[in-house]
């Protein structure tokens, strides 16, 4: 699941973005992560503020399951975007696929 990730406001301005891409985590069982499982690795996927509120705990669980390193740091960074996405103005978290 490789994708660029950005937090974008209603005017299309990028407020935050991941330095790199959502990590490709081969062998990960995505069943316990229903929202992350829905991210399209080849297309674009967006989450609104309500969805980001539910996505943040999934990202926490995924980060806890990963060893320290770049992949874990990326997941924590996306979780931080979910938290920032709860504040005005209205924002969307975008995963841009290949």
N, C-alpha and C. Protein backbone atom coordinates (compact mmCIF):
# COMPACT_ATOMS: atom_id res chain seq x y z
N UNK A 1 0.86 -1.17 0.00
CA UNK A 1 0.00 0.00 0.00
C UNK A 1 0.89 1.23 0.00
N UNK A 2 1.48 1.57 -1.11
CA UNK A 2 2.32 2.76 -1.20
C UNK A 2 1.48 3.94 -1.66
N UNK A 3 1.57 5.03 -0.93
CA UNK A 3 0.79 6.22 -1.29
C UNK A 3 1.41 7.45 -0.66
N UNK A 4 1.31 8.58 -1.36
CA UNK A 4 1.66 9.86 -0.77
C UNK A 4 0.48 10.26 0.11
N UNK A 5 0.74 10.98 1.19
CA UNK A 5 -0.30 11.35 2.14
C UNK A 5 -0.20 12.85 2.41
N UNK A 6 -1.36 13.54 2.38
CA UNK A 6 -1.38 14.98 2.66
C UNK A 6 -2.68 15.37 3.33
N UNK A 7 -2.61 16.36 4.18
CA UNK A 7 -3.77 16.98 4.80
C UNK A 7 -4.05 18.26 4.02
N UNK A 8 -5.26 18.33 3.43
CA UNK A 8 -5.58 19.40 2.48
C UNK A 8 -6.83 20.14 2.95
N UNK A 9 -6.79 21.48 2.87
CA UNK A 9 -7.97 22.26 3.27
C UNK A 9 -8.95 22.37 2.10
N UNK A 10 -10.08 23.04 2.34
CA UNK A 10 -11.15 23.14 1.34
C UNK A 10 -10.71 23.85 0.07
N UNK A 11 -9.74 24.74 0.17
CA UNK A 11 -9.27 25.46 -1.01
C UNK A 11 -8.21 24.67 -1.79
N UNK A 12 -7.87 23.48 -1.30
CA UNK A 12 -6.88 22.65 -1.98
C UNK A 12 -5.46 22.92 -1.54
N UNK A 13 -5.28 23.73 -0.49
CA UNK A 13 -3.94 24.01 0.02
C UNK A 13 -3.47 22.86 0.90
N UNK A 14 -2.26 22.42 0.66
CA UNK A 14 -1.67 21.36 1.48
C UNK A 14 -1.23 21.97 2.80
N UNK A 15 -1.82 21.50 3.89
CA UNK A 15 -1.49 22.00 5.22
C UNK A 15 -0.34 21.20 5.84
N UNK A 16 -0.35 19.90 5.64
CA UNK A 16 0.71 19.01 6.11
C UNK A 16 0.87 17.90 5.09
N UNK A 17 2.07 17.36 4.98
CA UNK A 17 2.25 16.20 4.12
C UNK A 17 3.31 15.29 4.70
N UNK A 18 3.19 14.04 4.36
CA UNK A 18 4.13 13.04 4.82
C UNK A 18 5.41 13.19 4.03
N UNK A 19 6.53 13.18 4.73
CA UNK A 19 7.83 13.23 4.07
C UNK A 19 8.12 11.82 3.55
N UNK A 20 7.75 11.58 2.32
CA UNK A 20 7.87 10.24 1.74
C UNK A 20 6.50 9.70 1.41
N UNK A 21 6.34 8.40 1.55
CA UNK A 21 5.09 7.74 1.20
C UNK A 21 4.61 6.89 2.36
N UNK A 22 3.30 6.58 2.33
CA UNK A 22 2.78 5.61 3.29
C UNK A 22 3.59 4.33 3.08
N UNK A 23 4.14 3.77 4.12
CA UNK A 23 5.03 2.63 3.93
C UNK A 23 4.32 1.40 3.38
N UNK A 24 5.03 0.69 2.54
CA UNK A 24 4.56 -0.60 2.06
C UNK A 24 4.91 -1.61 3.14
N UNK A 25 3.91 -2.21 3.73
CA UNK A 25 4.11 -3.13 4.85
C UNK A 25 3.68 -4.53 4.43
N UNK A 26 4.54 -5.23 3.65
CA UNK A 26 4.16 -6.56 3.17
C UNK A 26 3.92 -7.51 4.33
N UNK A 27 2.95 -8.36 4.14
CA UNK A 27 2.64 -9.35 5.15
C UNK A 27 1.75 -8.84 6.27
N UNK A 28 1.37 -7.56 6.22
CA UNK A 28 0.51 -7.01 7.26
C UNK A 28 -0.91 -7.54 7.09
N UNK A 29 -1.50 -8.00 8.16
CA UNK A 29 -2.89 -8.42 8.16
C UNK A 29 -3.74 -7.16 8.33
N UNK A 30 -4.40 -6.73 7.27
CA UNK A 30 -5.16 -5.48 7.30
C UNK A 30 -6.56 -5.66 7.87
N UNK A 31 -6.95 -6.88 8.17
CA UNK A 31 -8.30 -7.14 8.70
C UNK A 31 -8.63 -6.32 9.95
N UNK A 32 -7.69 -6.18 10.92
CA UNK A 32 -8.01 -5.39 12.12
C UNK A 32 -8.01 -3.88 11.90
N UNK A 33 -7.74 -3.46 10.66
CA UNK A 33 -7.65 -2.05 10.34
C UNK A 33 -8.65 -1.71 9.22
N UNK A 34 -9.94 -1.67 9.54
CA UNK A 34 -10.94 -1.55 8.48
C UNK A 34 -10.84 -0.27 7.64
N UNK A 35 -10.46 0.85 8.23
CA UNK A 35 -10.33 2.07 7.43
C UNK A 35 -9.07 2.04 6.59
N UNK A 36 -7.96 1.64 7.17
CA UNK A 36 -6.71 1.54 6.40
C UNK A 36 -6.84 0.50 5.29
N UNK A 37 -7.57 -0.56 5.56
CA UNK A 37 -7.78 -1.60 4.55
C UNK A 37 -8.47 -1.03 3.31
N UNK A 38 -9.25 0.05 3.51
CA UNK A 38 -9.97 0.66 2.39
C UNK A 38 -9.16 1.62 1.55
N UNK A 39 -7.90 1.88 1.93
CA UNK A 39 -7.07 2.78 1.13
C UNK A 39 -6.69 2.08 -0.16
N UNK A 40 -6.99 2.73 -1.27
CA UNK A 40 -6.69 2.18 -2.60
C UNK A 40 -5.23 2.47 -2.95
N UNK A 41 -4.38 1.44 -3.07
CA UNK A 41 -2.96 1.70 -3.36
C UNK A 41 -2.71 2.25 -4.76
N UNK A 42 -3.70 2.14 -5.64
CA UNK A 42 -3.51 2.59 -7.01
C UNK A 42 -4.31 3.84 -7.36
N UNK A 43 -5.28 4.19 -6.51
CA UNK A 43 -6.10 5.37 -6.74
C UNK A 43 -6.00 6.30 -5.54
N UNK A 44 -6.84 7.29 -5.51
CA UNK A 44 -6.84 8.25 -4.41
C UNK A 44 -7.93 7.89 -3.41
N UNK A 45 -7.64 8.10 -2.14
CA UNK A 45 -8.58 7.85 -1.06
C UNK A 45 -8.57 9.05 -0.13
N UNK A 46 -9.76 9.52 0.29
CA UNK A 46 -9.85 10.68 1.17
C UNK A 46 -10.62 10.32 2.44
N UNK A 47 -10.20 10.92 3.54
CA UNK A 47 -10.88 10.79 4.82
C UNK A 47 -11.27 12.17 5.31
N UNK A 48 -12.54 12.32 5.75
CA UNK A 48 -12.97 13.59 6.33
C UNK A 48 -12.67 13.58 7.82
N UNK A 49 -13.05 14.66 8.52
CA UNK A 49 -12.72 14.80 9.94
C UNK A 49 -13.30 13.68 10.79
N UNK A 50 -14.55 13.29 10.52
CA UNK A 50 -15.16 12.20 11.30
C UNK A 50 -14.42 10.89 11.08
N UNK A 51 -14.04 10.64 9.86
CA UNK A 51 -13.31 9.41 9.56
C UNK A 51 -11.90 9.44 10.15
N UNK A 52 -11.27 10.63 10.13
CA UNK A 52 -9.93 10.74 10.72
C UNK A 52 -9.97 10.44 12.21
N UNK A 53 -11.06 10.81 12.87
CA UNK A 53 -11.20 10.52 14.30
C UNK A 53 -11.16 9.01 14.54
N UNK A 54 -11.73 8.24 13.63
CA UNK A 54 -11.74 6.77 13.76
C UNK A 54 -10.46 6.14 13.23
N UNK A 55 -9.83 6.83 12.29
CA UNK A 55 -8.59 6.32 11.71
C UNK A 55 -7.42 6.43 12.69
N UNK A 56 -7.39 7.46 13.52
CA UNK A 56 -6.26 7.69 14.43
C UNK A 56 -5.98 6.47 15.33
N UNK A 57 -7.01 5.86 15.97
CA UNK A 57 -6.71 4.68 16.80
C UNK A 57 -6.16 3.49 15.99
N UNK A 58 -6.60 3.35 14.75
CA UNK A 58 -6.05 2.29 13.90
C UNK A 58 -4.56 2.53 13.69
N UNK A 59 -4.21 3.78 13.43
CA UNK A 59 -2.80 4.12 13.21
C UNK A 59 -1.99 3.90 14.48
N UNK A 60 -2.57 4.21 15.63
CA UNK A 60 -1.89 3.94 16.90
C UNK A 60 -1.59 2.46 17.06
N UNK A 61 -2.59 1.61 16.78
CA UNK A 61 -2.40 0.16 16.92
C UNK A 61 -1.35 -0.35 15.93
N UNK A 62 -1.38 0.18 14.71
CA UNK A 62 -0.41 -0.24 13.71
C UNK A 62 1.00 0.19 14.13
N UNK A 63 1.15 1.42 14.62
CA UNK A 63 2.47 1.90 15.06
C UNK A 63 3.01 1.04 16.19
N UNK A 64 2.14 0.65 17.12
CA UNK A 64 2.57 -0.19 18.25
C UNK A 64 3.07 -1.55 17.78
N UNK A 65 2.56 -2.02 16.65
CA UNK A 65 2.94 -3.34 16.14
C UNK A 65 4.24 -3.31 15.33
N UNK A 66 4.73 -2.12 15.01
CA UNK A 66 5.93 -1.99 14.19
C UNK A 66 7.15 -1.72 15.07
N UNK A 67 8.32 -2.21 14.65
CA UNK A 67 9.54 -1.87 15.38
C UNK A 67 9.90 -0.40 15.12
N UNK A 68 10.69 0.20 16.01
CA UNK A 68 11.12 1.57 15.76
C UNK A 68 11.81 1.68 14.41
N UNK A 69 11.57 2.79 13.73
CA UNK A 69 12.18 2.99 12.42
C UNK A 69 11.33 3.88 11.54
N UNK A 70 11.71 3.93 10.29
CA UNK A 70 11.07 4.82 9.32
C UNK A 70 9.59 4.53 9.13
N UNK A 71 9.22 3.25 9.03
CA UNK A 71 7.83 2.90 8.82
C UNK A 71 6.96 3.35 9.99
N UNK A 72 7.45 3.07 11.19
CA UNK A 72 6.70 3.48 12.38
C UNK A 72 6.59 5.00 12.46
N UNK A 73 7.67 5.70 12.17
CA UNK A 73 7.65 7.17 12.18
C UNK A 73 6.63 7.71 11.18
N UNK A 74 6.52 7.08 10.02
CA UNK A 74 5.55 7.51 9.01
C UNK A 74 4.12 7.33 9.52
N UNK A 75 3.85 6.20 10.14
CA UNK A 75 2.51 5.94 10.68
C UNK A 75 2.17 6.95 11.77
N UNK A 76 3.11 7.25 12.65
CA UNK A 76 2.89 8.24 13.69
C UNK A 76 2.65 9.62 13.08
N UNK A 77 3.37 9.94 12.01
CA UNK A 77 3.17 11.21 11.32
C UNK A 77 1.77 11.33 10.72
N UNK A 78 1.27 10.25 10.16
CA UNK A 78 -0.09 10.27 9.60
C UNK A 78 -1.11 10.39 10.72
N UNK A 79 -0.85 9.74 11.83
CA UNK A 79 -1.75 9.87 12.99
C UNK A 79 -1.79 11.32 13.46
N UNK A 80 -0.64 11.98 13.47
CA UNK A 80 -0.60 13.40 13.84
C UNK A 80 -1.40 14.26 12.86
N UNK A 81 -1.40 13.88 11.59
CA UNK A 81 -2.22 14.59 10.61
C UNK A 81 -3.70 14.42 10.92
N UNK A 82 -4.09 13.23 11.37
CA UNK A 82 -5.49 12.99 11.75
C UNK A 82 -5.90 13.91 12.89
N UNK A 83 -5.02 14.10 13.84
CA UNK A 83 -5.31 14.99 14.97
C UNK A 83 -5.43 16.42 14.47
N UNK A 84 -4.51 16.85 13.64
CA UNK A 84 -4.55 18.21 13.09
C UNK A 84 -5.79 18.41 12.22
N UNK A 85 -6.25 17.35 11.57
CA UNK A 85 -7.42 17.44 10.71
C UNK A 85 -8.72 17.65 11.46
N UNK A 86 -8.68 17.53 12.78
CA UNK A 86 -9.87 17.76 13.60
C UNK A 86 -10.10 19.24 13.87
N UNK A 87 -9.09 20.05 13.62
CA UNK A 87 -9.19 21.49 13.89
C UNK A 87 -9.62 22.23 12.63
N UNK A 88 -10.33 23.35 12.81
CA UNK A 88 -10.70 24.17 11.64
C UNK A 88 -9.46 24.67 10.93
N UNK A 89 -9.55 24.97 9.66
CA UNK A 89 -10.73 24.83 8.80
C UNK A 89 -10.96 23.38 8.41
N UNK A 90 -12.09 23.12 7.76
CA UNK A 90 -12.41 21.76 7.30
C UNK A 90 -11.27 21.25 6.43
N UNK A 91 -10.80 20.04 6.74
CA UNK A 91 -9.67 19.46 6.02
C UNK A 91 -9.96 18.01 5.67
N UNK A 92 -9.26 17.52 4.69
CA UNK A 92 -9.36 16.13 4.25
C UNK A 92 -7.96 15.52 4.27
N UNK A 93 -7.89 14.25 4.69
CA UNK A 93 -6.65 13.51 4.63
C UNK A 93 -6.67 12.68 3.36
N UNK A 94 -5.75 12.96 2.46
CA UNK A 94 -5.69 12.28 1.16
C UNK A 94 -4.53 11.30 1.11
N UNK A 95 -4.83 10.10 0.62
CA UNK A 95 -3.81 9.12 0.26
C UNK A 95 -3.82 9.09 -1.26
N UNK A 96 -2.71 9.45 -1.87
CA UNK A 96 -2.61 9.47 -3.33
C UNK A 96 -1.86 8.22 -3.77
N UNK A 97 -2.56 7.31 -4.46
CA UNK A 97 -1.96 6.05 -4.90
C UNK A 97 -1.06 6.23 -6.10
N UNK A 98 -0.47 5.09 -6.50
CA UNK A 98 0.45 5.09 -7.64
C UNK A 98 -0.23 5.47 -8.92
